[in-house]
Amino acid sequence: MRKYLAVVDRHKATSGTRFINYFLDRLFIQVIFYAFFFIFGIGYAIVYGEGFDAENSDKSFTFTLITLFIYLAMSFSYFFFMEYYLGKTIAKYITGTEVISIDGNKPTAGQIIARTFSRAVPFDSLSFLGNNGWHDSWSDTRVIKGKNYVAERQSKEEINSIGVKEMI
């Protein structure tokens, strides 16, 4: 069981900010997805000397499944790599928020995987309108306003260090 810090909840992002993050992240994933298929189409045309036949591909069940798999893989990769390595997605950079563990530390890979897979649950995108989103609750993470959180943590550390003798 993780140690729970109240300072994390004091600096949680608002529902409005969370909605903006959701909207922008989906927009960026779509842009990445279409850019991938644009580059794929150019590569296909160069290798085979002809354009990709979109009309026949739309009717193909196999093509639809492959496209869906690629979209899900890109979506998972976007959230996992951005949140694990950077602590935030592109949308979170824009809104000044970040993902943090409830104990105040950087989330583990397991937490980010749980958070990312939880997004696949139907209606998860609406769950953040309550107290915490399901992908936050199930992974013991929170989305916080980064600057406010860091400022409060620094001020508490400074207060705690008063009277401590520095060793030179």
Protein backbone atom coordinates (compact mmCIF):
# COMPACT_ATOMS: atom_id res chain seq x y z
CA MET A 1 0.00 0.00 0.00
CA ARG A 2 1.37 3.37 -1.00
CA LYS A 3 1.72 6.22 1.44
CA TYR A 4 -0.92 8.79 0.59
CA LEU A 5 0.04 12.48 0.60
CA ALA A 6 -2.70 15.06 1.10
CA VAL A 7 -0.58 17.66 -0.73
CA VAL A 8 -1.11 15.67 -3.92
CA ASP A 9 -4.89 15.97 -3.67
CA ARG A 10 -4.71 19.67 -2.81
CA HIS A 11 -3.16 20.32 -6.20
CA LYS A 12 -5.31 18.07 -8.37
CA ALA A 13 -6.22 19.40 -11.80
CA THR A 14 -9.81 20.57 -12.22
CA SER A 15 -12.38 18.67 -14.27
CA GLY A 16 -12.23 21.38 -16.92
CA THR A 17 -8.48 21.00 -17.24
CA ARG A 18 -8.86 17.23 -17.40
CA PHE A 19 -11.40 17.61 -20.22
CA ILE A 20 -9.01 19.87 -22.14
CA ASN A 21 -6.25 17.27 -21.63
CA TYR A 22 -8.54 14.51 -22.93
CA PHE A 23 -9.61 16.51 -25.98
CA LEU A 24 -6.09 17.65 -26.91
CA ASP A 25 -4.53 14.21 -26.35
CA ARG A 26 -7.13 12.60 -28.64
CA LEU A 27 -6.45 15.30 -31.22
CA PHE A 28 -2.68 14.67 -31.08
CA ILE A 29 -3.19 10.90 -31.33
CA GLN A 30 -5.36 11.44 -34.44
CA VAL A 31 -2.70 13.66 -36.00
CA ILE A 32 -0.01 11.05 -35.30
CA PHE A 33 -2.28 8.30 -36.68
CA TYR A 34 -3.02 10.14 -39.92
CA ALA A 35 0.63 11.16 -40.32
CA PHE A 36 1.62 7.50 -39.96
CA PHE A 37 -0.78 6.44 -42.73
CA PHE A 38 0.29 9.37 -44.91
CA ILE A 39 3.92 8.26 -44.62
CA PHE A 40 2.85 4.64 -45.12
CA GLY A 41 0.99 5.64 -48.32
CA ILE A 42 4.01 7.49 -49.67
CA GLY A 43 6.25 4.51 -48.88
CA TYR A 44 3.77 2.15 -50.53
CA ALA A 45 3.67 4.31 -53.65
CA ILE A 46 7.46 4.46 -53.84
CA VAL A 47 7.94 0.71 -53.36
CA TYR A 48 5.07 -0.54 -55.54
CA GLY A 49 4.86 2.33 -58.02
CA GLU A 50 1.14 2.83 -57.48
CA GLY A 51 -1.15 4.47 -54.96
CA PHE A 52 -2.89 2.57 -52.20
CA ASP A 53 -6.46 1.68 -53.17
CA ALA A 54 -8.52 3.17 -50.32
CA GLU A 55 -11.89 2.12 -51.77
CA ASN A 56 -11.12 -1.59 -51.63
CA SER A 57 -9.37 -1.28 -48.26
CA ASP A 58 -12.48 0.30 -46.68
CA LYS A 59 -14.49 -2.81 -47.55
CA SER A 60 -11.87 -5.21 -46.18
CA PHE A 61 -12.52 -6.52 -42.67
CA THR A 62 -8.85 -7.45 -42.30
CA PHE A 63 -7.74 -3.92 -43.18
CA THR A 64 -10.21 -2.53 -40.63
CA LEU A 65 -8.84 -4.81 -37.90
CA ILE A 66 -5.25 -3.90 -38.74
CA THR A 67 -6.12 -0.21 -38.73
CA LEU A 68 -7.85 -0.55 -35.36
CA PHE A 69 -4.87 -2.45 -33.93
CA ILE A 70 -2.46 0.22 -35.18
CA TYR A 71 -4.62 2.97 -33.67
CA LEU A 72 -4.81 1.20 -30.29
CA ALA A 73 -1.06 0.50 -30.32
CA MET A 74 -0.31 4.15 -31.11
CA SER A 75 -2.68 5.35 -28.42
CA PHE A 76 -1.19 3.02 -25.81
CA SER A 77 2.36 3.96 -26.84
CA TYR A 78 1.59 7.68 -26.75
CA PHE A 79 0.23 7.57 -23.20
CA PHE A 80 2.74 5.07 -21.83
CA PHE A 81 5.94 6.62 -23.18
CA MET A 82 4.92 10.23 -22.59
CA GLU A 83 3.64 9.68 -19.04
CA TYR A 84 6.37 7.25 -17.96
CA TYR A 85 9.39 9.07 -19.34
CA LEU A 86 8.21 12.69 -19.17
CA GLY A 87 5.42 12.57 -16.57
CA LYS A 88 3.07 14.33 -18.95
CA THR A 89 1.59 14.17 -22.41
CA ILE A 90 1.64 16.99 -24.96
CA ALA A 91 -1.74 18.20 -23.67
CA LYS A 92 -0.46 18.19 -20.09
CA TYR A 93 2.48 20.35 -21.21
CA ILE A 94 0.00 22.84 -22.63
CA THR A 95 -2.19 22.91 -19.49
CA GLY A 96 0.71 22.80 -17.00
CA THR A 97 -0.33 19.51 -15.42
CA GLU A 98 1.50 16.24 -14.82
CA VAL A 99 0.97 12.68 -13.62
CA ILE A 100 2.24 11.82 -10.17
CA SER A 101 1.88 8.88 -7.81
CA ILE A 102 -0.30 9.40 -4.73
CA ASP A 103 2.85 9.14 -2.60
CA GLY A 104 4.34 12.18 -4.36
CA ASN A 105 6.90 10.25 -6.40
CA LYS A 106 7.24 9.60 -10.11
CA PRO A 107 4.79 6.84 -11.13
CA THR A 108 6.23 3.39 -11.73
CA ALA A 109 5.98 1.58 -15.05
CA GLY A 110 3.33 -0.69 -13.53
CA GLN A 111 1.25 2.29 -12.48
CA ILE A 112 1.47 3.84 -15.94
CA ILE A 113 0.55 0.53 -17.59
CA ALA A 114 -2.48 0.18 -15.28
CA ARG A 115 -3.40 3.80 -15.97
CA THR A 116 -3.10 3.34 -19.73
CA PHE A 117 -5.07 0.07 -19.89
CA SER A 118 -7.76 1.56 -17.63
CA ARG A 119 -8.47 4.10 -20.35
CA ALA A 120 -9.90 1.25 -22.46
CA VAL A 121 -12.76 0.77 -19.99
CA PRO A 122 -16.01 2.15 -21.44
CA PHE A 123 -17.00 5.52 -19.97
CA ASP A 124 -13.59 5.98 -18.31
CA SER A 125 -13.26 9.30 -20.11
CA LEU A 126 -16.33 10.54 -18.22
CA SER A 127 -15.17 9.21 -14.84
CA PHE A 128 -12.85 12.17 -14.22
CA LEU A 129 -15.93 14.37 -13.85
CA GLY A 130 -16.29 12.81 -10.38
CA ASN A 131 -13.70 13.00 -7.60
CA ASN A 132 -10.98 11.02 -9.41
CA GLY A 133 -10.97 9.33 -12.78
CA TRP A 134 -11.01 5.55 -12.82
CA HIS A 135 -7.60 5.42 -14.46
CA ASP A 136 -6.32 7.59 -11.59
CA SER A 137 -7.96 5.57 -8.81
CA TRP A 138 -7.06 2.14 -10.17
CA SER A 139 -3.40 3.07 -10.70
CA ASP A 140 -2.88 5.16 -7.53
CA THR A 141 -1.93 8.22 -9.58
CA ARG A 142 -3.23 11.77 -9.85
CA VAL A 143 -3.03 14.58 -12.39
CA ILE A 144 -1.83 17.69 -10.60
CA LYS A 145 -1.03 21.33 -11.34
CA GLY A 146 2.74 21.01 -11.47
CA LYS A 147 3.96 24.47 -10.48
CA ASN A 148 1.68 24.79 -7.44
CA TYR A 149 2.62 21.33 -6.21
CA VAL A 150 6.36 21.91 -6.57
CA ALA A 151 6.11 25.30 -4.83
CA GLU A 152 4.31 23.82 -1.81
CA ARG A 153 6.72 20.87 -1.57
CA GLN A 154 9.72 23.23 -1.71
CA SER A 155 8.29 25.53 0.95
CA LYS A 156 7.61 22.57 3.27
CA GLU A 157 11.16 21.29 2.75
CA GLU A 158 12.55 24.74 3.51
CA ILE A 159 10.47 24.97 6.70
CA ASN A 160 11.63 21.51 7.77
CA SER A 161 15.26 22.42 7.16
CA ILE A 162 15.16 25.45 9.50
CA GLY A 163 17.45 24.84 12.42
CA VAL A 164 19.27 21.95 10.77
CA LYS A 165 22.99 22.52 10.95
CA GLU A 166 24.70 22.46 7.59
CA MET A 167 27.87 20.43 7.34
CA ILE A 168 30.65 22.03 5.30
